[in-house]
Amino acid sequence: MALIGGGELIELEVESPTPAVEVAGKSPAQIAFARLRKDKVAVLCFSILVLMVLVAISAPLIAKAFHVYWDISDPNAPNVGDVVDFDGYPSVGPPYHGFTWDHPLGVAPRTGADNLAWLVYGLRTSLFIATTATVLTTVFGVGIGLVWGFSRGVLDQVLGFITDLFLAFPFFLGLLALVPIITSHYATNVDGLPRAQLFALLSVLVVLGWMGLARLIRGQVLTLREREFIQAAEVIGVPTRQILFKELLPNMVAPIVVSLSLSLPAFVALEAALSFLGLGLTGIPSLGKMAAQATPYYADYGLYLWVPVGAIALLTLTLNLLGDAVRDAFDPRTRR
C-alpha cells in the first residue's frame, strides 16, 4: 500500500525475490571423468579394452567351449598326427583347408597347438604382466619420488645418485645376462622354468622401470613443498609421513593416473618384443612368442602370424589412445 498526493491509497505489486540457485562444485577428478565420458574415442577404446580383458579372464572358459588346447601334452588335446600333415602344415583349417569350428583360427604347424587357445591365453599373459609391472613400478616410483622430492641434504643426493645409476643401466644387457642364468639353473626343473621366467621378467621390468615416474613425482613435490599449506603443516609439527601421504599425494593424482595409462601399452609392447626375441616367456602362451613361432611361415600361412600381431597392435593402440584421452582429460590447460 502507498499514499499519493490526493490522499488516495493504491496497492503496489512487489515482486518476490528469486530463490537463489544452488551451485554445486566439482572436483578436478569429476571434471576429468565428465570430459572422458564425452570423448567418443575414449569411450570406444575403453569398451574395446573391457572386452579384451573379459576375453583374457575367460580364457579357460573359451578354450573349454571350443574344445581347443594350447598345450599339446594335455590328455584331452588331439594327437599331432590328426591335425598336422607329414609336411608339417595343418591338415585341418587354413592355409590349405576350409574353415572349421573345431579350430576357428587354425592350428600351429608342426606342434598342432590351437591358435585360438594360444591367442586368448597369450592375451591374458600380456595383460597380467603389463598390469602387474605398471602397478609395482607406480608404487615404487611414487614412494621414492615423494621421499626424494621432500628430502634435503644427503638423502636427496643419495636418492638422486641411485636413480641416475638405474637410468644408466642398460636394460637389454640385464635381460641378456639374466635369462641364461635362470634357464641353466632350472634346466633340470622343467615345471619351475615358466614360473621363474615370469618372476624374472616382472622383476627386471619393475627394477628398471620406476625411475621416470620417480623423477616426475619429485618435480611435482618440489613445486608443492614451498606452498603455504605444506609450510603450515611443518610449522605446527605434522609428521612427515602424514605430510607426504595426506597433503602431497592427493595433489598428484592427475600425473599418477596419466603415468598409469601410458605405462600399460609400453609394458604390453615390451613384453611382446622380449618374448619375440626369446628373452621373455617360453613355457607359457605369449603373443610375442606366438609371433616368433609364426615368422617362418608368414609367406604360406599368413593367418598364423597376423593373429598375434593384430592382437598386439589392437591392444597397444587402444591403450595408447585411451592414455592420450586420460592425459587430455586431467590436463586443465586442454579444452576439447
C-alpha atoms as a PDB file:
ATOM      1  CA  MET A   1       0.000   0.000   0.000  1.00  0.00           C
ATOM      2  CA  ALA A   2       1.160   3.566  -0.767  1.00  0.00           C
ATOM      3  CA  LEU A   3      -0.327   7.081  -0.143  1.00  0.00           C
ATOM      4  CA  ILE A   4      -0.405   9.507  -3.099  1.00  0.00           C
ATOM      5  CA  GLY A   5      -0.935  13.291  -3.166  1.00  0.00           C
ATOM      6  CA  GLY A   6      -4.795  13.282  -3.052  1.00  0.00           C
ATOM      7  CA  GLY A   7      -4.871  11.047  -0.047  1.00  0.00           C
ATOM      8  CA  GLU A   8      -5.809   8.032  -2.079  1.00  0.00           C
ATOM      9  CA  LEU A   9      -4.317   4.722  -1.193  1.00  0.00           C
ATOM     10  CA  ILE A  10      -3.136   2.498  -4.003  1.00  0.00           C
ATOM     11  CA  GLU A  11      -1.790  -1.029  -3.873  1.00  0.00           C
ATOM     12  CA  LEU A  12       1.669  -1.700  -5.349  1.00  0.00           C
ATOM     13  CA  GLU A  13       2.738  -5.123  -6.503  1.00  0.00           C
ATOM     14  CA  VAL A  14       6.121  -6.134  -5.169  1.00  0.00           C
ATOM     15  CA  GLU A  15       7.899  -8.986  -6.913  1.00  0.00           C
ATOM     16  CA  SER A  16       9.041 -11.745  -4.631  1.00  0.00           C
ATOM     17  CA  PRO A  17      12.805 -12.322  -4.607  1.00  0.00           C
ATOM     18  CA  THR A  18      14.053 -15.007  -6.936  1.00  0.00           C
ATOM     19  CA  PRO A  19      15.244 -18.031  -4.964  1.00  0.00           C
ATOM     20  CA  ALA A  20      18.999 -18.486  -5.132  1.00  0.00           C
ATOM     21  CA  VAL A  21      20.189 -21.285  -7.341  1.00  0.00           C
ATOM     22  CA  GLU A  22      22.477 -23.655  -5.514  1.00  0.00           C
ATOM     23  CA  VAL A  23      25.758 -24.081  -7.370  1.00  0.00           C
ATOM     24  CA  ALA A  24      27.322 -27.492  -6.912  1.00  0.00           C
ATOM     25  CA  GLY A  25      31.085 -27.554  -7.076  1.00  0.00           C
ATOM     26  CA  LYS A  26      33.000 -30.280  -8.890  1.00  0.00           C
ATOM     27  CA  SER A  27      36.343 -31.740  -8.016  1.00  0.00           C
ATOM     28  CA  PRO A  28      39.083 -31.969 -10.679  1.00  0.00           C
ATOM     29  CA  ALA A  29      38.529 -35.741 -10.868  1.00  0.00           C
ATOM     30  CA  GLN A  30      34.802 -35.266 -11.520  1.00  0.00           C
ATOM     31  CA  ILE A  31      35.560 -32.749 -14.259  1.00  0.00           C
ATOM     32  CA  ALA A  32      38.109 -35.106 -15.833  1.00  0.00           C
ATOM     33  CA  PHE A  33      35.743 -38.084 -15.844  1.00  0.00           C
ATOM     34  CA  ALA A  34      32.977 -35.923 -17.287  1.00  0.00           C
ATOM     35  CA  ARG A  35      35.285 -34.955 -20.131  1.00  0.00           C
ATOM     36  CA  LEU A  36      36.208 -38.592 -20.658  1.00  0.00           C
ATOM     37  CA  ARG A  37      32.543 -39.592 -20.931  1.00  0.00           C
ATOM     38  CA  LYS A  38      32.063 -37.003 -23.662  1.00  0.00           C
ATOM     39  CA  ASP A  39      35.100 -38.237 -25.608  1.00  0.00           C
ATOM     40  CA  LYS A  40      33.858 -40.761 -28.182  1.00  0.00           C
ATOM     41  CA  VAL A  41      37.347 -42.134 -28.842  1.00  0.00           C
ATOM     42  CA  ALA A  42      37.918 -42.697 -25.128  1.00  0.00           C
ATOM     43  CA  VAL A  43      34.563 -44.452 -24.730  1.00  0.00           C
ATOM     44  CA  LEU A  44      35.234 -46.686 -27.742  1.00  0.00           C
ATOM     45  CA  CYS A  45      38.750 -47.558 -26.562  1.00  0.00           C
ATOM     46  CA  PHE A  46      37.504 -48.254 -23.047  1.00  0.00           C
ATOM     47  CA  SER A  47      34.815 -50.585 -24.427  1.00  0.00           C
ATOM     48  CA  ILE A  48      37.370 -52.472 -26.530  1.00  0.00           C
ATOM     49  CA  LEU A  49      39.721 -52.733 -23.546  1.00  0.00           C
ATOM     50  CA  VAL A  50      36.957 -54.092 -21.307  1.00  0.00           C
ATOM     51  CA  LEU A  51      36.091 -56.676 -23.970  1.00  0.00           C
ATOM     52  CA  MET A  52      39.720 -57.791 -24.280  1.00  0.00           C
ATOM     53  CA  VAL A  53      40.068 -58.002 -20.509  1.00  0.00           C
ATOM     54  CA  LEU A  54      36.939 -60.154 -20.311  1.00  0.00           C
ATOM     55  CA  VAL A  55      38.310 -62.411 -23.052  1.00  0.00           C
ATOM     56  CA  ALA A  56      41.609 -62.733 -21.184  1.00  0.00           C
ATOM     57  CA  ILE A  57      39.903 -63.513 -17.878  1.00  0.00           C
ATOM     58  CA  SER A  58      37.595 -66.031 -19.569  1.00  0.00           C
ATOM     59  CA  ALA A  59      40.413 -67.777 -21.455  1.00  0.00           C
ATOM     60  CA  PRO A  60      39.816 -71.188 -19.786  1.00  0.00           C
ATOM     61  CA  LEU A  61      36.073 -70.939 -20.427  1.00  0.00           C
ATOM     62  CA  ILE A  62      36.585 -70.005 -24.085  1.00  0.00           C
ATOM     63  CA  ALA A  63      39.052 -72.822 -24.608  1.00  0.00           C
ATOM     64  CA  LYS A  64      36.674 -75.252 -22.948  1.00  0.00           C
ATOM     65  CA  ALA A  65      33.695 -74.028 -25.005  1.00  0.00           C
ATOM     66  CA  PHE A  66      35.555 -74.547 -28.304  1.00  0.00           C
ATOM     67  CA  HIS A  67      37.392 -77.672 -27.063  1.00  0.00           C
ATOM     68  CA  VAL A  68      40.761 -76.181 -28.014  1.00  0.00           C
ATOM     69  CA  TYR A  69      44.084 -76.560 -26.215  1.00  0.00           C
ATOM     70  CA  TRP A  70      47.306 -74.608 -26.254  1.00  0.00           C
ATOM     71  CA  ASP A  71      49.233 -77.400 -24.533  1.00  0.00           C
ATOM     72  CA  ILE A  72      49.550 -80.394 -26.844  1.00  0.00           C
ATOM     73  CA  SER A  73      50.616 -82.539 -23.893  1.00  0.00           C
ATOM     74  CA  ASP A  74      47.122 -82.206 -22.410  1.00  0.00           C
ATOM     75  CA  PRO A  75      45.450 -85.620 -22.327  1.00  0.00           C
ATOM     76  CA  ASN A  76      42.322 -84.179 -23.967  1.00  0.00           C
ATOM     77  CA  ALA A  77      44.212 -82.465 -26.788  1.00  0.00           C
ATOM     78  CA  PRO A  78      44.072 -84.122 -30.223  1.00  0.00           C
ATOM     79  CA  ASN A  79      47.059 -86.074 -31.463  1.00  0.00           C
ATOM     80  CA  VAL A  80      49.502 -84.092 -33.528  1.00  0.00           C
ATOM     81  CA  GLY A  81      49.144 -86.556 -36.406  1.00  0.00           C
ATOM     82  CA  ASP A  82      45.400 -85.888 -36.574  1.00  0.00           C
ATOM     83  CA  VAL A  83      45.789 -82.147 -37.218  1.00  0.00           C
ATOM     84  CA  VAL A  84      49.214 -81.876 -38.882  1.00  0.00           C
ATOM     85  CA  ASP A  85      50.303 -83.435 -42.193  1.00  0.00           C
ATOM     86  CA  PHE A  86      53.622 -85.098 -42.847  1.00  0.00           C
ATOM     87  CA  ASP A  87      54.994 -81.816 -44.266  1.00  0.00           C
ATOM     88  CA  GLY A  88      54.312 -80.014 -41.000  1.00  0.00           C
ATOM     89  CA  TYR A  89      51.377 -77.916 -42.201  1.00  0.00           C
ATOM     90  CA  PRO A  90      47.881 -78.257 -40.680  1.00  0.00           C
ATOM     91  CA  SER A  91      45.653 -80.963 -42.127  1.00  0.00           C
ATOM     92  CA  VAL A  92      42.539 -79.064 -40.955  1.00  0.00           C
ATOM     93  CA  GLY A  93      41.666 -75.419 -41.408  1.00  0.00           C
ATOM     94  CA  PRO A  94      43.903 -72.816 -43.077  1.00  0.00           C
ATOM     95  CA  PRO A  95      46.064 -72.429 -45.032  1.00  0.00           C
ATOM     96  CA  TYR A  96      45.156 -75.345 -47.301  1.00  0.00           C
ATOM     97  CA  HIS A  97      41.730 -76.315 -45.973  1.00  0.00           C
ATOM     98  CA  GLY A  98      38.431 -74.593 -45.287  1.00  0.00           C
ATOM     99  CA  PHE A  99      37.143 -73.027 -42.108  1.00  0.00           C
ATOM    100  CA  THR A 100      36.170 -75.337 -39.258  1.00  0.00           C
ATOM    101  CA  TRP A 101      34.612 -74.572 -35.879  1.00  0.00           C
ATOM    102  CA  ASP A 102      36.856 -77.217 -34.328  1.00  0.00           C
ATOM    103  CA  HIS A 103      39.770 -74.808 -34.851  1.00  0.00           C
ATOM    104  CA  PRO A 104      38.372 -71.350 -35.746  1.00  0.00           C
ATOM    105  CA  LEU A 105      41.800 -69.766 -36.182  1.00  0.00           C
ATOM    106  CA  GLY A 106      43.606 -72.873 -37.360  1.00  0.00           C
ATOM    107  CA  VAL A 107      46.387 -74.781 -35.674  1.00  0.00           C
ATOM    108  CA  ALA A 108      50.108 -74.196 -35.392  1.00  0.00           C
ATOM    109  CA  PRO A 109      52.347 -76.000 -37.896  1.00  0.00           C
ATOM    110  CA  ARG A 110      54.361 -78.959 -36.598  1.00  0.00           C
ATOM    111  CA  THR A 111      53.121 -78.664 -32.980  1.00  0.00           C
ATOM    112  CA  GLY A 112      49.361 -78.793 -33.681  1.00  0.00           C
ATOM    113  CA  ALA A 113      48.545 -76.343 -30.865  1.00  0.00           C
ATOM    114  CA  ASP A 114      45.318 -74.436 -31.421  1.00  0.00           C
ATOM    115  CA  ASN A 115      45.791 -70.778 -32.399  1.00  0.00           C
ATOM    116  CA  LEU A 116      42.615 -69.601 -30.650  1.00  0.00           C
ATOM    117  CA  ALA A 117      43.777 -71.088 -27.355  1.00  0.00           C
ATOM    118  CA  TRP A 118      47.201 -69.511 -27.794  1.00  0.00           C
ATOM    119  CA  LEU A 119      45.576 -66.157 -28.564  1.00  0.00           C
ATOM    120  CA  VAL A 120      43.297 -65.954 -25.505  1.00  0.00           C
ATOM    121  CA  TYR A 121      45.897 -67.339 -23.107  1.00  0.00           C
ATOM    122  CA  GLY A 122      48.593 -65.133 -24.613  1.00  0.00           C
ATOM    123  CA  LEU A 123      46.338 -62.107 -24.225  1.00  0.00           C
ATOM    124  CA  ARG A 124      45.845 -62.991 -20.569  1.00  0.00           C
ATOM    125  CA  THR A 125      49.603 -63.311 -20.069  1.00  0.00           C
ATOM    126  CA  SER A 126      50.333 -59.964 -21.709  1.00  0.00           C
ATOM    127  CA  LEU A 127      47.671 -58.125 -19.711  1.00  0.00           C
ATOM    128  CA  PHE A 128      48.759 -59.759 -16.451  1.00  0.00           C
ATOM    129  CA  ILE A 129      52.407 -58.837 -16.942  1.00  0.00           C
ATOM    130  CA  ALA A 130      51.628 -55.291 -18.095  1.00  0.00           C
ATOM    131  CA  THR A 131      49.176 -54.642 -15.249  1.00  0.00           C
ATOM    132  CA  THR A 132      51.424 -56.108 -12.551  1.00  0.00           C
ATOM    133  CA  ALA A 133      54.504 -54.269 -13.798  1.00  0.00           C
ATOM    134  CA  THR A 134      52.577 -50.987 -14.072  1.00  0.00           C
ATOM    135  CA  VAL A 135      51.171 -51.229 -10.544  1.00  0.00           C
ATOM    136  CA  LEU A 136      54.513 -52.177  -8.977  1.00  0.00           C
ATOM    137  CA  THR A 137      56.509 -49.509 -10.835  1.00  0.00           C
ATOM    138  CA  THR A 138      53.903 -46.931  -9.851  1.00  0.00           C
ATOM    139  CA  VAL A 139      54.127 -47.888  -6.181  1.00  0.00           C
ATOM    140  CA  PHE A 140      57.937 -47.760  -6.202  1.00  0.00           C
ATOM    141  CA  GLY A 141      58.120 -44.640  -8.340  1.00  0.00           C
ATOM    142  CA  VAL A 142      55.589 -42.676  -6.304  1.00  0.00           C
ATOM    143  CA  GLY A 143      57.101 -43.719  -2.959  1.00  0.00           C
ATOM    144  CA  ILE A 144      60.677 -42.922  -3.936  1.00  0.00           C
ATOM    145  CA  GLY A 145      59.637 -39.719  -5.704  1.00  0.00           C
ATOM    146  CA  LEU A 146      57.794 -38.424  -2.643  1.00  0.00           C
ATOM    147  CA  VAL A 147      60.712 -39.067  -0.309  1.00  0.00           C
ATOM    148  CA  TRP A 148      63.241 -37.779  -2.837  1.00  0.00           C
ATOM    149  CA  GLY A 149      61.392 -34.544  -3.521  1.00  0.00           C
ATOM    150  CA  PHE A 150      60.673 -33.761   0.144  1.00  0.00           C
ATOM    151  CA  SER A 151      64.118 -34.667   1.466  1.00  0.00           C
ATOM    152  CA  ARG A 152      67.067 -32.324   1.655  1.00  0.00           C
ATOM    153  CA  GLY A 153      70.781 -32.770   2.059  1.00  0.00           C
ATOM    154  CA  VAL A 154      72.427 -36.184   1.997  1.00  0.00           C
ATOM    155  CA  LEU A 155      69.252 -38.215   1.413  1.00  0.00           C
ATOM    156  CA  ASP A 156      68.394 -36.094  -1.620  1.00  0.00           C
ATOM    157  CA  GLN A 157      71.837 -36.691  -3.119  1.00  0.00           C
ATOM    158  CA  VAL A 158      71.770 -40.432  -2.386  1.00  0.00           C
ATOM    159  CA  LEU A 159      68.359 -40.955  -3.976  1.00  0.00           C
ATOM    160  CA  GLY A 160      69.402 -38.853  -6.968  1.00  0.00           C
ATOM    161  CA  PHE A 161      72.548 -40.937  -7.430  1.00  0.00           C
ATOM    162  CA  ILE A 162      70.610 -44.220  -7.168  1.00  0.00           C
ATOM    163  CA  THR A 163      68.040 -43.047  -9.715  1.00  0.00           C
ATOM    164  CA  ASP A 164      70.732 -41.917 -12.162  1.00  0.00           C
ATOM    165  CA  LEU A 165      72.560 -45.208 -11.673  1.00  0.00           C
ATOM    166  CA  PHE A 166      69.484 -47.243 -12.590  1.00  0.00           C
ATOM    167  CA  LEU A 167      68.784 -44.958 -15.545  1.00  0.00           C
ATOM    168  CA  ALA A 168      72.295 -45.583 -16.832  1.00  0.00           C
ATOM    169  CA  PHE A 169      71.990 -49.374 -16.542  1.00  0.00           C
ATOM    170  CA  PRO A 170      71.424 -50.995 -19.973  1.00  0.00           C
ATOM    171  CA  PHE A 171      68.052 -52.732 -19.926  1.00  0.00           C
ATOM    172  CA  PHE A 172      68.653 -55.369 -22.603  1.00  0.00           C
ATOM    173  CA  LEU A 173      72.096 -56.173 -21.210  1.00  0.00           C
ATOM    174  CA  GLY A 174      70.464 -57.085 -17.918  1.00  0.00           C
ATOM    175  CA  LEU A 175      67.998 -59.377 -19.669  1.00  0.00           C
ATOM    176  CA  LEU A 176      70.726 -60.993 -21.753  1.00  0.00           C
ATOM    177  CA  ALA A 177      72.644 -61.747 -18.580  1.00  0.00           C
ATOM    178  CA  LEU A 178      69.654 -62.843 -16.527  1.00  0.00           C
ATOM    179  CA  VAL A 179      67.831 -65.178 -18.923  1.00  0.00           C
ATOM    180  CA  PRO A 180      70.692 -67.688 -19.471  1.00  0.00           C
ATOM    181  CA  ILE A 181      71.334 -67.850 -15.721  1.00  0.00           C
ATOM    182  CA  ILE A 182      67.708 -68.682 -14.963  1.00  0.00           C
ATOM    183  CA  THR A 183      67.451 -71.139 -17.841  1.00  0.00           C
ATOM    184  CA  SER A 184      70.579 -73.024 -16.781  1.00  0.00           C
ATOM    185  CA  HIS A 185      69.512 -73.019 -13.116  1.00  0.00           C
ATOM    186  CA  TYR A 186      66.104 -74.539 -13.901  1.00  0.00           C
ATOM    187  CA  ALA A 187      67.289 -76.787 -16.718  1.00  0.00           C
ATOM    188  CA  THR A 188      66.516 -79.895 -14.665  1.00  0.00           C
ATOM    189  CA  ASN A 189      63.198 -78.497 -13.374  1.00  0.00           C
ATOM    190  CA  VAL A 190      61.026 -78.057 -16.429  1.00  0.00           C
ATOM    191  CA  ASP A 191      57.898 -77.341 -14.382  1.00  0.00           C
ATOM    192  CA  GLY A 192      59.546 -74.496 -12.483  1.00  0.00           C
ATOM    193  CA  LEU A 193      61.089 -72.780 -15.509  1.00  0.00           C
ATOM    194  CA  PRO A 194      57.971 -70.876 -16.714  1.00  0.00           C
ATOM    195  CA  ARG A 195      57.301 -69.537 -13.224  1.00  0.00           C
ATOM    196  CA  ALA A 196      60.924 -68.497 -12.828  1.00  0.00           C
ATOM    197  CA  GLN A 197      60.887 -66.751 -16.214  1.00  0.00           C
ATOM    198  CA  LEU A 198      57.703 -64.899 -15.293  1.00  0.00           C
ATOM    199  CA  PHE A 199      59.156 -63.781 -11.955  1.00  0.00           C
ATOM    200  CA  ALA A 200      62.442 -62.741 -13.578  1.00  0.00           C
ATOM    201  CA  LEU A 201      60.706 -60.762 -16.326  1.00  0.00           C
ATOM    202  CA  LEU A 202      58.491 -58.916 -13.821  1.00  0.00           C
ATOM    203  CA  SER A 203      61.493 -58.226 -11.586  1.00  0.00           C
ATOM    204  CA  VAL A 204      63.507 -56.722 -14.424  1.00  0.00           C
ATOM    205  CA  LEU A 205      60.582 -54.633 -15.669  1.00  0.00           C
ATOM    206  CA  VAL A 206      59.921 -53.241 -12.184  1.00  0.00           C
ATOM    207  CA  VAL A 207      63.547 -52.706 -11.154  1.00  0.00           C
ATOM    208  CA  LEU A 208      64.363 -50.873 -14.381  1.00  0.00           C
ATOM    209  CA  GLY A 209      61.018 -49.120 -14.875  1.00  0.00           C
ATOM    210  CA  TRP A 210      60.328 -46.894 -11.831  1.00  0.00           C
ATOM    211  CA  MET A 211      62.850 -44.095 -12.474  1.00  0.00           C
ATOM    212  CA  GLY A 212      60.845 -41.958 -14.883  1.00  0.00           C
ATOM    213  CA  LEU A 213      57.831 -41.739 -12.585  1.00  0.00           C
ATOM    214  CA  ALA A 214      60.071 -41.073  -9.575  1.00  0.00           C
ATOM    215  CA  ARG A 215      61.627 -38.070 -11.304  1.00  0.00           C
ATOM    216  CA  LEU A 216      58.190 -36.817 -12.344  1.00  0.00           C
ATOM    217  CA  ILE A 217      56.833 -37.078  -8.791  1.00  0.00           C
ATOM    218  CA  ARG A 218      59.958 -35.394  -7.399  1.00  0.00           C
ATOM    219  CA  GLY A 219      59.408 -32.426  -9.688  1.00  0.00           C
ATOM    220  CA  GLN A 220      55.795 -32.138  -8.515  1.00  0.00           C
ATOM    221  CA  VAL A 221      56.849 -32.332  -4.868  1.00  0.00           C
ATOM    222  CA  LEU A 222      59.489 -29.632  -5.356  1.00  0.00           C
ATOM    223  CA  THR A 223      56.782 -27.251  -6.588  1.00  0.00           C
ATOM    224  CA  LEU A 224      54.371 -28.127  -3.789  1.00  0.00           C
ATOM    225  CA  ARG A 225      56.632 -28.260  -0.740  1.00  0.00           C
ATOM    226  CA  GLU A 226      57.062 -24.475  -0.769  1.00  0.00           C
ATOM    227  CA  ARG A 227      53.307 -23.844  -0.757  1.00  0.00           C
ATOM    228  CA  GLU A 228      51.684 -22.295   2.279  1.00  0.00           C
ATOM    229  CA  PHE A 229      49.685 -25.358   3.361  1.00  0.00           C
ATOM    230  CA  ILE A 230      52.826 -27.545   3.411  1.00  0.00           C
ATOM    231  CA  GLN A 231      54.838 -24.953   5.330  1.00  0.00           C
ATOM    232  CA  ALA A 232      51.973 -24.522   7.786  1.00  0.00           C
ATOM    233  CA  ALA A 233      51.822 -28.271   8.330  1.00  0.00           C
ATOM    234  CA  GLU A 234      55.560 -28.329   9.042  1.00  0.00           C
ATOM    235  CA  VAL A 235      55.306 -25.397  11.459  1.00  0.00           C
ATOM    236  CA  ILE A 236      52.572 -26.982  13.578  1.00  0.00           C
ATOM    237  CA  GLY A 237      54.532 -30.239  13.761  1.00  0.00           C
ATOM    238  CA  VAL A 238      52.610 -32.556  11.448  1.00  0.00           C
ATOM    239  CA  PRO A 239      54.579 -35.798  10.988  1.00  0.00           C
ATOM    240  CA  THR A 240      56.469 -36.133   7.712  1.00  0.00           C
ATOM    241  CA  ARG A 241      54.621 -39.308   6.789  1.00  0.00           C
ATOM    242  CA  GLN A 242      51.280 -37.541   7.093  1.00  0.00           C
ATOM    243  CA  ILE A 243      52.535 -34.609   5.016  1.00  0.00           C
ATOM    244  CA  LEU A 244      53.705 -36.960   2.259  1.00  0.00           C
ATOM    245  CA  PHE A 245      50.647 -39.177   2.010  1.00  0.00           C
ATOM    246  CA  LYS A 246      47.815 -36.888   3.165  1.00  0.00           C
ATOM    247  CA  GLU A 247      48.925 -33.470   1.932  1.00  0.00           C
ATOM    248  CA  LEU A 248      51.199 -34.023  -1.074  1.00  0.00           C
ATOM    249  CA  LEU A 249      49.969 -37.296  -2.578  1.00  0.00           C
ATOM    250  CA  PRO A 250      46.308 -36.225  -3.099  1.00  0.00           C
ATOM    251  CA  ASN A 251      47.560 -33.254  -5.131  1.00  0.00           C
ATOM    252  CA  MET A 252      49.396 -35.542  -7.575  1.00  0.00           C
ATOM    253  CA  VAL A 253      46.564 -37.828  -8.629  1.00  0.00           C
ATOM    254  CA  ALA A 254      46.490 -36.426 -12.170  1.00  0.00           C
ATOM    255  CA  PRO A 255      50.132 -37.159 -13.133  1.00  0.00           C
ATOM    256  CA  ILE A 256      49.937 -40.585 -11.490  1.00  0.00           C
ATOM    257  CA  VAL A 257      46.795 -41.533 -13.442  1.00  0.00           C
ATOM    258  CA  VAL A 258      48.359 -40.290 -16.666  1.00  0.00           C
ATOM    259  CA  SER A 259      51.522 -42.283 -15.969  1.00  0.00           C
ATOM    260  CA  LEU A 260      49.444 -45.416 -15.330  1.00  0.00           C
ATOM    261  CA  SER A 261      47.541 -45.029 -18.591  1.00  0.00           C
ATOM    262  CA  LEU A 262      50.725 -44.550 -20.618  1.00  0.00           C
ATOM    263  CA  SER A 263      52.749 -47.287 -18.906  1.00  0.00           C
ATOM    264  CA  LEU A 264      50.295 -50.087 -19.731  1.00  0.00           C
ATOM    265  CA  PRO A 265      50.759 -50.015 -23.530  1.00  0.00           C
ATOM    266  CA  ALA A 266      54.512 -49.619 -23.117  1.00  0.00           C
ATOM    267  CA  PHE A 267      54.762 -52.769 -20.996  1.00  0.00           C
ATOM    268  CA  VAL A 268      52.453 -54.704 -23.345  1.00  0.00           C
ATOM    269  CA  ALA A 269      54.665 -53.882 -26.323  1.00  0.00           C
ATOM    270  CA  LEU A 270      57.851 -54.513 -24.344  1.00  0.00           C
ATOM    271  CA  GLU A 271      56.715 -57.937 -23.133  1.00  0.00           C
ATOM    272  CA  ALA A 272      55.735 -58.936 -26.668  1.00  0.00           C
ATOM    273  CA  ALA A 273      59.066 -57.724 -28.050  1.00  0.00           C
ATOM    274  CA  LEU A 274      61.086 -59.556 -25.400  1.00  0.00           C
ATOM    275  CA  SER A 275      59.152 -62.793 -25.926  1.00  0.00           C
ATOM    276  CA  PHE A 276      59.610 -62.424 -29.678  1.00  0.00           C
ATOM    277  CA  LEU A 277      63.378 -62.142 -29.157  1.00  0.00           C
ATOM    278  CA  GLY A 278      63.400 -65.139 -26.828  1.00  0.00           C
ATOM    279  CA  LEU A 279      64.214 -63.042 -23.743  1.00  0.00           C
ATOM    280  CA  GLY A 280      60.786 -63.255 -22.161  1.00  0.00           C
ATOM    281  CA  LEU A 281      58.489 -66.208 -21.618  1.00  0.00           C
ATOM    282  CA  THR A 282      58.935 -69.559 -23.311  1.00  0.00           C
ATOM    283  CA  GLY A 283      56.966 -72.060 -21.228  1.00  0.00           C
ATOM    284  CA  ILE A 284      53.560 -70.339 -21.247  1.00  0.00           C
ATOM    285  CA  PRO A 285      51.499 -68.778 -24.077  1.00  0.00           C
ATOM    286  CA  SER A 286      52.514 -65.283 -25.094  1.00  0.00           C
ATOM    287  CA  LEU A 287      51.539 -63.104 -28.035  1.00  0.00           C
ATOM    288  CA  GLY A 288      55.165 -62.286 -28.713  1.00  0.00           C
ATOM    289  CA  LYS A 289      56.172 -65.941 -28.595  1.00  0.00           C
ATOM    290  CA  MET A 290      53.336 -66.831 -30.953  1.00  0.00           C
ATOM    291  CA  ALA A 291      54.513 -64.161 -33.411  1.00  0.00           C
ATOM    292  CA  ALA A 292      58.068 -65.506 -33.191  1.00  0.00           C
ATOM    293  CA  GLN A 293      56.894 -69.055 -33.922  1.00  0.00           C
ATOM    294  CA  ALA A 294      54.806 -67.839 -36.890  1.00  0.00           C
ATOM    295  CA  THR A 295      57.575 -65.829 -38.553  1.00  0.00           C
ATOM    296  CA  PRO A 296      58.986 -68.723 -40.659  1.00  0.00           C
ATOM    297  CA  TYR A 297      55.501 -69.401 -42.076  1.00  0.00           C
ATOM    298  CA  TYR A 298      54.429 -65.867 -42.966  1.00  0.00           C
ATOM    299  CA  ALA A 299      54.612 -66.498 -46.731  1.00  0.00           C
ATOM    300  CA  ASP A 300      52.388 -69.625 -46.815  1.00  0.00           C
ATOM    301  CA  TYR A 301      50.379 -69.266 -43.604  1.00  0.00           C
ATOM    302  CA  GLY A 302      49.752 -65.557 -43.105  1.00  0.00           C
ATOM    303  CA  LEU A 303      46.888 -66.050 -40.627  1.00  0.00           C
ATOM    304  CA  TYR A 304      49.249 -67.715 -38.170  1.00  0.00           C
ATOM    305  CA  LEU A 305      51.310 -64.508 -37.998  1.00  0.00           C
ATOM    306  CA  TRP A 306      48.610 -61.874 -38.342  1.00  0.00           C
ATOM    307  CA  VAL A 307      46.516 -63.200 -35.449  1.00  0.00           C
ATOM    308  CA  PRO A 308      49.075 -62.355 -32.689  1.00  0.00           C
ATOM    309  CA  VAL A 309      50.363 -59.280 -34.496  1.00  0.00           C
ATOM    310  CA  GLY A 310      46.822 -57.949 -34.890  1.00  0.00           C
ATOM    311  CA  ALA A 311      46.040 -58.615 -31.216  1.00  0.00           C
ATOM    312  CA  ILE A 312      49.207 -56.799 -30.095  1.00  0.00           C
ATOM    313  CA  ALA A 313      48.500 -53.870 -32.423  1.00  0.00           C
ATOM    314  CA  LEU A 314      44.867 -53.568 -31.312  1.00  0.00           C
ATOM    315  CA  LEU A 315      45.752 -53.769 -27.615  1.00  0.00           C
ATOM    316  CA  THR A 316      48.602 -51.245 -27.758  1.00  0.00           C
ATOM    317  CA  LEU A 317      46.643 -48.849 -29.999  1.00  0.00           C
ATOM    318  CA  THR A 318      43.620 -48.995 -27.693  1.00  0.00           C
ATOM    319  CA  LEU A 319      45.731 -48.378 -24.584  1.00  0.00           C
ATOM    320  CA  ASN A 320      47.676 -45.548 -26.240  1.00  0.00           C
ATOM    321  CA  LEU A 321      44.553 -43.737 -27.437  1.00  0.00           C
ATOM    322  CA  LEU A 322      42.913 -44.209 -24.044  1.00  0.00           C
ATOM    323  CA  GLY A 323      46.065 -42.941 -22.342  1.00  0.00           C
ATOM    324  CA  ASP A 324      46.100 -39.834 -24.531  1.00  0.00           C
ATOM    325  CA  ALA A 325      42.438 -39.212 -23.708  1.00  0.00           C
ATOM    326  CA  VAL A 326      43.123 -39.582 -19.976  1.00  0.00           C
ATOM    327  CA  ARG A 327      46.069 -37.208 -20.211  1.00  0.00           C
ATOM    328  CA  ASP A 328      43.968 -34.582 -22.006  1.00  0.00           C
ATOM    329  CA  ALA A 329      41.086 -35.016 -19.559  1.00  0.00           C
ATOM    330  CA  PHE A 330      43.257 -34.497 -16.488  1.00  0.00           C
ATOM    331  CA  ASP A 331      45.188 -31.584 -18.016  1.00  0.00           C
ATOM    332  CA  PRO A 332      43.388 -28.332 -17.082  1.00  0.00           C
ATOM    333  CA  ARG A 333      45.124 -26.484 -19.933  1.00  0.00           C
ATOM    334  CA  THR A 334      43.352 -28.502 -22.636  1.00  0.00           C
ATOM    335  CA  ARG A 335      39.825 -27.737 -23.749  1.00  0.00           C
ATOM    336  CA  ARG A 336      38.193 -30.127 -26.166  1.00  0.00           C
END
